[in-house]
Amino acid sequence: MKNIVVLITDWCPHCKRAIDWIDEVKQENPKYKDIKVEIIDEEKTPEIANQYDYYYVPTYYVEKRKIFEGGTTKDIVRKVFEEAIKTDI
């Protein structure tokens, strides 16, 4: 199981929905409950956010691999969680 990093800003409406959907998706599916999700606000911690290559928020990373960037849906959030539970061969 891999960690998820989500880059956001607190004024972004897409980011607010994404955070709500992250909570919903974790509650809906027990297989996601142990996945650590780190939320990084680019304006509050730019020194951390600048370590990532992205332009739009929200941006989702599984470990250091960008999965999705920009406006989001609940299905996209589910896909990010599915990437996080994949095992490497």
PDB file of N, CA and C in Angstrom:
ATOM      1  N   MET A   1       0.843  -1.177   0.000  1.00  0.00           N
ATOM      2  CA  MET A   1       0.000   0.000   0.000  1.00  0.00           C
ATOM      3  C   MET A   1       0.893   1.246   0.000  1.00  0.00           C
ATOM      4  N   LYS A   2       0.548   2.166  -0.876  1.00  0.00           N
ATOM      5  CA  LYS A   2       1.361   3.368  -1.026  1.00  0.00           C
ATOM      6  C   LYS A   2       0.638   4.583  -0.455  1.00  0.00           C
ATOM      7  N   ASN A   3       1.383   5.605  -0.139  1.00  0.00           N
ATOM      8  CA  ASN A   3       0.803   6.846   0.386  1.00  0.00           C
ATOM      9  C   ASN A   3       0.327   7.736  -0.751  1.00  0.00           C
ATOM     10  N   ILE A   4      -0.669   8.568  -0.434  1.00  0.00           N
ATOM     11  CA  ILE A   4      -1.201   9.533  -1.375  1.00  0.00           C
ATOM     12  C   ILE A   4      -0.836  10.936  -0.874  1.00  0.00           C
ATOM     13  N   VAL A   5      -0.421  11.784  -1.799  1.00  0.00           N
ATOM     14  CA  VAL A   5      -0.177  13.192  -1.507  1.00  0.00           C
ATOM     15  C   VAL A   5      -1.118  13.993  -2.397  1.00  0.00           C
ATOM     16  N   VAL A   6      -1.802  14.960  -1.795  1.00  0.00           N
ATOM     17  CA  VAL A   6      -2.713  15.824  -2.545  1.00  0.00           C
ATOM     18  C   VAL A   6      -2.280  17.268  -2.327  1.00  0.00           C
ATOM     19  N   LEU A   7      -1.982  17.953  -3.415  1.00  0.00           N
ATOM     20  CA  LEU A   7      -1.604  19.373  -3.348  1.00  0.00           C
ATOM     21  C   LEU A   7      -2.851  20.212  -3.585  1.00  0.00           C
ATOM     22  N   ILE A   8      -3.069  21.179  -2.703  1.00  0.00           N
ATOM     23  CA  ILE A   8      -4.285  21.991  -2.742  1.00  0.00           C
ATOM     24  C   ILE A   8      -3.971  23.450  -2.430  1.00  0.00           C
ATOM     25  N   THR A   9      -5.000  24.284  -2.531  1.00  0.00           N
ATOM     26  CA  THR A   9      -5.031  25.603  -1.900  1.00  0.00           C
ATOM     27  C   THR A   9      -6.350  25.672  -1.151  1.00  0.00           C
ATOM     28  N   ASP A  10      -6.411  26.458  -0.095  1.00  0.00           N
ATOM     29  CA  ASP A  10      -7.640  26.474   0.698  1.00  0.00           C
ATOM     30  C   ASP A  10      -8.767  27.275   0.054  1.00  0.00           C
ATOM     31  N   TRP A  11      -8.485  28.062  -0.958  1.00  0.00           N
ATOM     32  CA  TRP A  11      -9.523  28.857  -1.625  1.00  0.00           C
ATOM     33  C   TRP A  11     -10.105  28.161  -2.853  1.00  0.00           C
ATOM     34  N   CYS A  12      -9.543  27.051  -3.252  1.00  0.00           N
ATOM     35  CA  CYS A  12      -9.939  26.338  -4.475  1.00  0.00           C
ATOM     36  C   CYS A  12     -11.193  25.482  -4.232  1.00  0.00           C
ATOM     37  N   PRO A  13     -12.288  25.733  -4.961  1.00  0.00           N
ATOM     38  CA  PRO A  13     -13.500  24.932  -4.761  1.00  0.00           C
ATOM     39  C   PRO A  13     -13.311  23.471  -5.160  1.00  0.00           C
ATOM     40  N   HIS A  14     -12.486  23.197  -6.172  1.00  0.00           N
ATOM     41  CA  HIS A  14     -12.216  21.815  -6.571  1.00  0.00           C
ATOM     42  C   HIS A  14     -11.468  21.075  -5.465  1.00  0.00           C
ATOM     43  N   CYS A  15     -10.576  21.781  -4.798  1.00  0.00           N
ATOM     44  CA  CYS A  15      -9.801  21.185  -3.707  1.00  0.00           C
ATOM     45  C   CYS A  15     -10.709  20.832  -2.531  1.00  0.00           C
ATOM     46  N   LYS A  16     -11.633  21.718  -2.212  1.00  0.00           N
ATOM     47  CA  LYS A  16     -12.562  21.452  -1.103  1.00  0.00           C
ATOM     48  C   LYS A  16     -13.404  20.224  -1.389  1.00  0.00           C
ATOM     49  N   ARG A  17     -13.898  20.108  -2.624  1.00  0.00           N
ATOM     50  CA  ARG A  17     -14.671  18.910  -2.989  1.00  0.00           C
ATOM     51  C   ARG A  17     -13.781  17.674  -2.946  1.00  0.00           C
ATOM     52  N   ALA A  18     -12.552  17.810  -3.409  1.00  0.00           N
ATOM     53  CA  ALA A  18     -11.640  16.669  -3.412  1.00  0.00           C
ATOM     54  C   ALA A  18     -11.410  16.150  -1.999  1.00  0.00           C
ATOM     55  N   ILE A  19     -11.222  17.042  -1.055  1.00  0.00           N
ATOM     56  CA  ILE A  19     -11.002  16.621   0.336  1.00  0.00           C
ATOM     57  C   ILE A  19     -12.242  15.905   0.871  1.00  0.00           C
ATOM     58  N   ASP A  20     -13.415  16.420   0.563  1.00  0.00           N
ATOM     59  CA  ASP A  20     -14.651  15.743   0.984  1.00  0.00           C
ATOM     60  C   ASP A  20     -14.748  14.361   0.351  1.00  0.00           C
ATOM     61  N   TRP A  21     -14.445  14.261  -0.935  1.00  0.00           N
ATOM     62  CA  TRP A  21     -14.516  12.976  -1.621  1.00  0.00           C
ATOM     63  C   TRP A  21     -13.485  11.993  -1.089  1.00  0.00           C
ATOM     64  N   ILE A  22     -12.320  12.466  -0.714  1.00  0.00           N
ATOM     65  CA  ILE A  22     -11.307  11.578  -0.124  1.00  0.00           C
ATOM     66  C   ILE A  22     -11.879  10.935   1.134  1.00  0.00           C
ATOM     67  N   ASP A  23     -12.496  11.743   1.997  1.00  0.00           N
ATOM     68  CA  ASP A  23     -13.102  11.205   3.218  1.00  0.00           C
ATOM     69  C   ASP A  23     -14.219  10.223   2.893  1.00  0.00           C
ATOM     70  N   GLU A  24     -15.070  10.563   1.940  1.00  0.00           N
ATOM     71  CA  GLU A  24     -16.179   9.687   1.563  1.00  0.00           C
ATOM     72  C   GLU A  24     -15.673   8.361   1.010  1.00  0.00           C
ATOM     73  N   VAL A  25     -14.716   8.421   0.105  1.00  0.00           N
ATOM     74  CA  VAL A  25     -14.192   7.206  -0.523  1.00  0.00           C
ATOM     75  C   VAL A  25     -13.553   6.295   0.526  1.00  0.00           C
ATOM     76  N   LYS A  26     -12.824   6.888   1.471  1.00  0.00           N
ATOM     77  CA  LYS A  26     -12.215   6.082   2.537  1.00  0.00           C
ATOM     78  C   LYS A  26     -13.286   5.409   3.401  1.00  0.00           C
ATOM     79  N   GLN A  27     -14.380   6.109   3.670  1.00  0.00           N
ATOM     80  CA  GLN A  27     -15.453   5.545   4.489  1.00  0.00           C
ATOM     81  C   GLN A  27     -16.243   4.484   3.728  1.00  0.00           C
ATOM     82  N   GLU A  28     -16.391   4.652   2.432  1.00  0.00           N
ATOM     83  CA  GLU A  28     -17.180   3.728   1.625  1.00  0.00           C
ATOM     84  C   GLU A  28     -16.486   2.395   1.386  1.00  0.00           C
ATOM     85  N   ASN A  29     -15.177   2.389   1.397  1.00  0.00           N
ATOM     86  CA  ASN A  29     -14.460   1.163   1.061  1.00  0.00           C
ATOM     87  C   ASN A  29     -13.401   0.845   2.118  1.00  0.00           C
ATOM     88  N   PRO A  30     -13.627  -0.204   2.901  1.00  0.00           N
ATOM     89  CA  PRO A  30     -12.689  -0.549   3.982  1.00  0.00           C
ATOM     90  C   PRO A  30     -11.268  -0.858   3.501  1.00  0.00           C
ATOM     91  N   LYS A  31     -11.114  -1.255   2.242  1.00  0.00           N
ATOM     92  CA  LYS A  31      -9.758  -1.579   1.777  1.00  0.00           C
ATOM     93  C   LYS A  31      -8.869  -0.338   1.676  1.00  0.00           C
ATOM     94  N   TYR A  32      -9.467   0.858   1.742  1.00  0.00           N
ATOM     95  CA  TYR A  32      -8.699   2.097   1.674  1.00  0.00           C
ATOM     96  C   TYR A  32      -8.377   2.687   3.046  1.00  0.00           C
ATOM     97  N   LYS A  33      -8.902   2.114   4.106  1.00  0.00           N
ATOM     98  CA  LYS A  33      -8.838   2.762   5.425  1.00  0.00           C
ATOM     99  C   LYS A  33      -7.416   2.988   5.933  1.00  0.00           C
ATOM    100  N   ASP A  34      -6.464   2.151   5.549  1.00  0.00           N
ATOM    101  CA  ASP A  34      -5.096   2.292   6.050  1.00  0.00           C
ATOM    102  C   ASP A  34      -4.187   3.121   5.147  1.00  0.00           C
ATOM    103  N   ILE A  35      -4.726   3.640   4.067  1.00  0.00           N
ATOM    104  CA  ILE A  35      -3.913   4.461   3.164  1.00  0.00           C
ATOM    105  C   ILE A  35      -3.721   5.843   3.786  1.00  0.00           C
ATOM    106  N   LYS A  36      -2.484   6.237   3.906  1.00  0.00           N
ATOM    107  CA  LYS A  36      -2.178   7.562   4.440  1.00  0.00           C
ATOM    108  C   LYS A  36      -2.337   8.595   3.327  1.00  0.00           C
ATOM    109  N   VAL A  37      -3.114   9.648   3.614  1.00  0.00           N
ATOM    110  CA  VAL A  37      -3.313  10.743   2.666  1.00  0.00           C
ATOM    111  C   VAL A  37      -2.741  12.008   3.299  1.00  0.00           C
ATOM    112  N   GLU A  38      -1.740  12.567   2.636  1.00  0.00           N
ATOM    113  CA  GLU A  38      -1.132  13.809   3.113  1.00  0.00           C
ATOM    114  C   GLU A  38      -1.645  14.953   2.244  1.00  0.00           C
ATOM    115  N   ILE A  39      -2.263  15.938   2.876  1.00  0.00           N
ATOM    116  CA  ILE A  39      -2.776  17.115   2.188  1.00  0.00           C
ATOM    117  C   ILE A  39      -1.746  18.232   2.357  1.00  0.00           C
ATOM    118  N   ILE A  40      -1.275  18.766   1.241  1.00  0.00           N
ATOM    119  CA  ILE A  40      -0.275  19.836   1.269  1.00  0.00           C
ATOM    120  C   ILE A  40      -0.886  21.086   0.654  1.00  0.00           C
ATOM    121  N   ASP A  41      -1.026  22.120   1.459  1.00  0.00           N
ATOM    122  CA  ASP A  41      -1.517  23.405   0.961  1.00  0.00           C
ATOM    123  C   ASP A  41      -0.312  24.170   0.411  1.00  0.00           C
ATOM    124  N   GLU A  42      -0.324  24.430  -0.890  1.00  0.00           N
ATOM    125  CA  GLU A  42       0.846  25.042  -1.527  1.00  0.00           C
ATOM    126  C   GLU A  42       1.149  26.441  -1.008  1.00  0.00           C
ATOM    127  N   GLU A  43       0.153  27.113  -0.483  1.00  0.00           N
ATOM    128  CA  GLU A  43       0.389  28.471   0.018  1.00  0.00           C
ATOM    129  C   GLU A  43       0.892  28.473   1.456  1.00  0.00           C
ATOM    130  N   LYS A  44       0.533  27.463   2.227  1.00  0.00           N
ATOM    131  CA  LYS A  44       0.971  27.397   3.623  1.00  0.00           C
ATOM    132  C   LYS A  44       2.322  26.715   3.766  1.00  0.00           C
ATOM    133  N   THR A  45       2.634  25.798   2.863  1.00  0.00           N
ATOM    134  CA  THR A  45       3.921  25.100   2.917  1.00  0.00           C
ATOM    135  C   THR A  45       4.548  25.029   1.517  1.00  0.00           C
ATOM    136  N   PRO A  46       4.904  26.190   0.961  1.00  0.00           N
ATOM    137  CA  PRO A  46       5.479  26.190  -0.392  1.00  0.00           C
ATOM    138  C   PRO A  46       6.792  25.427  -0.488  1.00  0.00           C
ATOM    139  N   GLU A  47       7.543  25.366   0.598  1.00  0.00           N
ATOM    140  CA  GLU A  47       8.814  24.632   0.563  1.00  0.00           C
ATOM    141  C   GLU A  47       8.584  23.139   0.318  1.00  0.00           C
ATOM    142  N   ILE A  48       7.468  22.605   0.746  1.00  0.00           N
ATOM    143  CA  ILE A  48       7.130  21.209   0.472  1.00  0.00           C
ATOM    144  C   ILE A  48       6.488  21.091  -0.907  1.00  0.00           C
ATOM    145  N   ALA A  49       5.523  21.957  -1.202  1.00  0.00           N
ATOM    146  CA  ALA A  49       4.822  21.905  -2.487  1.00  0.00           C
ATOM    147  C   ALA A  49       5.784  22.062  -3.663  1.00  0.00           C
ATOM    148  N   ASN A  50       6.826  22.866  -3.504  1.00  0.00           N
ATOM    149  CA  ASN A  50       7.779  23.095  -4.593  1.00  0.00           C
ATOM    150  C   ASN A  50       8.610  21.863  -4.930  1.00  0.00           C
ATOM    151  N   GLN A  51       8.528  20.833  -4.120  1.00  0.00           N
ATOM    152  CA  GLN A  51       9.238  19.586  -4.402  1.00  0.00           C
ATOM    153  C   GLN A  51       8.504  18.749  -5.456  1.00  0.00           C
ATOM    154  N   TYR A  52       7.285  19.162  -5.798  1.00  0.00           N
ATOM    155  CA  TYR A  52       6.451  18.421  -6.741  1.00  0.00           C
ATOM    156  C   TYR A  52       6.330  19.186  -8.051  1.00  0.00           C
ATOM    157  N   ASP A  53       6.193  18.443  -9.146  1.00  0.00           N
ATOM    158  CA  ASP A  53       6.051  19.027 -10.474  1.00  0.00           C
ATOM    159  C   ASP A  53       4.569  19.039 -10.847  1.00  0.00           C
ATOM    160  N   TYR A  54       3.938  20.197 -10.737  1.00  0.00           N
ATOM    161  CA  TYR A  54       2.513  20.329 -11.054  1.00  0.00           C
ATOM    162  C   TYR A  54       2.218  21.784 -11.367  1.00  0.00           C
ATOM    163  N   TYR A  55       1.044  22.016 -11.959  1.00  0.00           N
ATOM    164  CA  TYR A  55       0.622  23.375 -12.276  1.00  0.00           C
ATOM    165  C   TYR A  55      -0.723  23.700 -11.651  1.00  0.00           C
ATOM    166  N   TYR A  56      -1.681  22.747 -11.743  1.00  0.00           N
ATOM    167  CA  TYR A  56      -3.033  22.962 -11.239  1.00  0.00           C
ATOM    168  C   TYR A  56      -3.257  22.209  -9.936  1.00  0.00           C
ATOM    169  N   VAL A  57      -4.220  22.703  -9.150  1.00  0.00           N
ATOM    170  CA  VAL A  57      -4.657  21.981  -7.962  1.00  0.00           C
ATOM    171  C   VAL A  57      -6.124  21.629  -8.127  1.00  0.00           C
ATOM    172  N   PRO A  58      -6.573  20.561  -7.520  1.00  0.00           N
ATOM    173  CA  PRO A  58      -5.778  19.603  -6.770  1.00  0.00           C
ATOM    174  C   PRO A  58      -4.938  18.716  -7.690  1.00  0.00           C
ATOM    175  N   THR A  59      -3.811  18.304  -7.178  1.00  0.00           N
ATOM    176  CA  THR A  59      -2.957  17.337  -7.861  1.00  0.00           C
ATOM    177  C   THR A  59      -2.722  16.170  -6.926  1.00  0.00           C
ATOM    178  N   TYR A  60      -2.865  14.972  -7.478  1.00  0.00           N
ATOM    179  CA  TYR A  60      -2.739  13.735  -6.694  1.00  0.00           C
ATOM    180  C   TYR A  60      -1.471  12.991  -7.087  1.00  0.00           C
ATOM    181  N   TYR A  61      -0.725  12.598  -6.085  1.00  0.00           N
ATOM    182  CA  TYR A  61       0.444  11.751  -6.276  1.00  0.00           C
ATOM    183  C   TYR A  61       0.260  10.480  -5.460  1.00  0.00           C
ATOM    184  N   VAL A  62       0.695   9.372  -6.027  1.00  0.00           N
ATOM    185  CA  VAL A  62       0.829   8.134  -5.270  1.00  0.00           C
ATOM    186  C   VAL A  62       2.330   7.908  -5.203  1.00  0.00           C
ATOM    187  N   GLU A  63       2.831   7.974  -3.972  1.00  0.00           N
ATOM    188  CA  GLU A  63       4.270   8.066  -3.749  1.00  0.00           C
ATOM    189  C   GLU A  63       4.751   9.299  -4.508  1.00  0.00           C
ATOM    190  N   LYS A  64       5.664   9.176  -5.425  1.00  0.00           N
ATOM    191  CA  LYS A  64       6.163  10.355  -6.158  1.00  0.00           C
ATOM    192  C   LYS A  64       5.654  10.391  -7.598  1.00  0.00           C
ATOM    193  N   ARG A  65       4.664   9.559  -7.920  1.00  0.00           N
ATOM    194  CA  ARG A  65       4.134   9.488  -9.284  1.00  0.00           C
ATOM    195  C   ARG A  65       2.824  10.265  -9.379  1.00  0.00           C
ATOM    196  N   LYS A  66       2.797  11.253 -10.284  1.00  0.00           N
ATOM    197  CA  LYS A  66       1.584  12.051 -10.472  1.00  0.00           C
ATOM    198  C   LYS A  66       0.522  11.183 -11.128  1.00  0.00           C
ATOM    199  N   ILE A  67      -0.673  11.179 -10.509  1.00  0.00           N
ATOM    200  CA  ILE A  67      -1.779  10.394 -11.031  1.00  0.00           C
ATOM    201  C   ILE A  67      -2.782  11.279 -11.756  1.00  0.00           C
ATOM    202  N   PHE A  68      -3.088  12.436 -11.191  1.00  0.00           N
ATOM    203  CA  PHE A  68      -4.066  13.327 -11.809  1.00  0.00           C
ATOM    204  C   PHE A  68      -3.816  14.750 -11.343  1.00  0.00           C
ATOM    205  N   GLU A  69      -4.130  15.694 -12.237  1.00  0.00           N
ATOM    206  CA  GLU A  69      -3.916  17.112 -11.927  1.00  0.00           C
ATOM    207  C   GLU A  69      -5.092  17.931 -12.450  1.00  0.00           C
ATOM    208  N   GLY A  70      -5.616  18.817 -11.622  1.00  0.00           N
ATOM    209  CA  GLY A  70      -6.676  19.733 -12.043  1.00  0.00           C
ATOM    210  C   GLY A  70      -8.034  19.336 -11.503  1.00  0.00           C
ATOM    211  N   GLY A  71      -9.089  19.942 -12.050  1.00  0.00           N
ATOM    212  CA  GLY A  71     -10.453  19.660 -11.617  1.00  0.00           C
ATOM    213  C   GLY A  71     -10.675  18.166 -11.459  1.00  0.00           C
ATOM    214  N   THR A  72     -11.488  17.778 -10.518  1.00  0.00           N
ATOM    215  CA  THR A  72     -11.562  16.370 -10.163  1.00  0.00           C
ATOM    216  C   THR A  72     -13.002  15.902  -9.998  1.00  0.00           C
ATOM    217  N   THR A  73     -13.155  14.597  -9.910  1.00  0.00           N
ATOM    218  CA  THR A  73     -14.440  13.969  -9.634  1.00  0.00           C
ATOM    219  C   THR A  73     -14.233  12.907  -8.557  1.00  0.00           C
ATOM    220  N   LYS A  74     -15.320  12.413  -8.028  1.00  0.00           N
ATOM    221  CA  LYS A  74     -15.213  11.343  -7.036  1.00  0.00           C
ATOM    222  C   LYS A  74     -14.618  10.089  -7.672  1.00  0.00           C
ATOM    223  N   ASP A  75     -14.929   9.832  -8.942  1.00  0.00           N
ATOM    224  CA  ASP A  75     -14.348   8.677  -9.632  1.00  0.00           C
ATOM    225  C   ASP A  75     -12.831   8.803  -9.756  1.00  0.00           C
ATOM    226  N   ILE A  76     -12.351   9.999  -9.994  1.00  0.00           N
ATOM    227  CA  ILE A  76     -10.899  10.203 -10.056  1.00  0.00           C
ATOM    228  C   ILE A  76     -10.277   9.905  -8.698  1.00  0.00           C
ATOM    229  N   VAL A  77     -10.925  10.356  -7.634  1.00  0.00           N
ATOM    230  CA  VAL A  77     -10.415  10.066  -6.284  1.00  0.00           C
ATOM    231  C   VAL A  77     -10.350   8.548  -6.068  1.00  0.00           C
ATOM    232  N   ARG A  78     -11.382   7.823  -6.496  1.00  0.00           N
ATOM    233  CA  ARG A  78     -11.363   6.353  -6.372  1.00  0.00           C
ATOM    234  C   ARG A  78     -10.185   5.752  -7.150  1.00  0.00           C
ATOM    235  N   LYS A  79      -9.935   6.278  -8.349  1.00  0.00           N
ATOM    236  CA  LYS A  79      -8.823   5.761  -9.158  1.00  0.00           C
ATOM    237  C   LYS A  79      -7.482   6.003  -8.466  1.00  0.00           C
ATOM    238  N   VAL A  80      -7.351   7.136  -7.805  1.00  0.00           N
ATOM    239  CA  VAL A  80      -6.120   7.425  -7.066  1.00  0.00           C
ATOM    240  C   VAL A  80      -5.941   6.393  -5.949  1.00  0.00           C
ATOM    241  N   PHE A  81      -7.016   6.103  -5.225  1.00  0.00           N
ATOM    242  CA  PHE A  81      -6.931   5.095  -4.168  1.00  0.00           C
ATOM    243  C   PHE A  81      -6.617   3.712  -4.736  1.00  0.00           C
ATOM    244  N   GLU A  82      -7.175   3.401  -5.891  1.00  0.00           N
ATOM    245  CA  GLU A  82      -6.874   2.110  -6.522  1.00  0.00           C
ATOM    246  C   GLU A  82      -5.393   2.021  -6.885  1.00  0.00           C
ATOM    247  N   GLU A  83      -4.826   3.114  -7.356  1.00  0.00           N
ATOM    248  CA  GLU A  83      -3.386   3.133  -7.643  1.00  0.00           C
ATOM    249  C   GLU A  83      -2.580   2.908  -6.367  1.00  0.00           C
ATOM    250  N   ALA A  84      -3.062   3.450  -5.271  1.00  0.00           N
ATOM    251  CA  ALA A  84      -2.327   3.331  -4.014  1.00  0.00           C
ATOM    252  C   ALA A  84      -2.334   1.906  -3.462  1.00  0.00           C
ATOM    253  N   ILE A  85      -3.353   1.116  -3.791  1.00  0.00           N
ATOM    254  CA  ILE A  85      -3.378  -0.247  -3.249  1.00  0.00           C
ATOM    255  C   ILE A  85      -2.734  -1.269  -4.188  1.00  0.00           C
ATOM    256  N   LYS A  86      -2.390  -0.851  -5.387  1.00  0.00           N
ATOM    257  CA  LYS A  86      -1.714  -1.766  -6.319  1.00  0.00           C
ATOM    258  C   LYS A  86      -0.371  -2.175  -5.735  1.00  0.00           C
ATOM    259  N   THR A  87      -0.051  -3.432  -5.946  1.00  0.00           N
ATOM    260  CA  THR A  87       1.251  -3.902  -5.501  1.00  0.00           C
ATOM    261  C   THR A  87       2.193  -3.927  -6.706  1.00  0.00           C
ATOM    262  N   ASP A  88       3.432  -3.589  -6.454  1.00  0.00           N
ATOM    263  CA  ASP A  88       4.439  -3.643  -7.517  1.00  0.00           C
ATOM    264  C   ASP A  88       4.942  -5.055  -7.662  1.00  0.00           C
ATOM    265  N   ILE A  89       5.178  -5.424  -8.897  1.00  0.00           N
ATOM    266  CA  ILE A  89       5.672  -6.796  -9.153  1.00  0.00           C
ATOM    267  C   ILE A  89       7.156  -6.753  -9.399  1.00  0.00           C
TER     268      ILE A  89
END
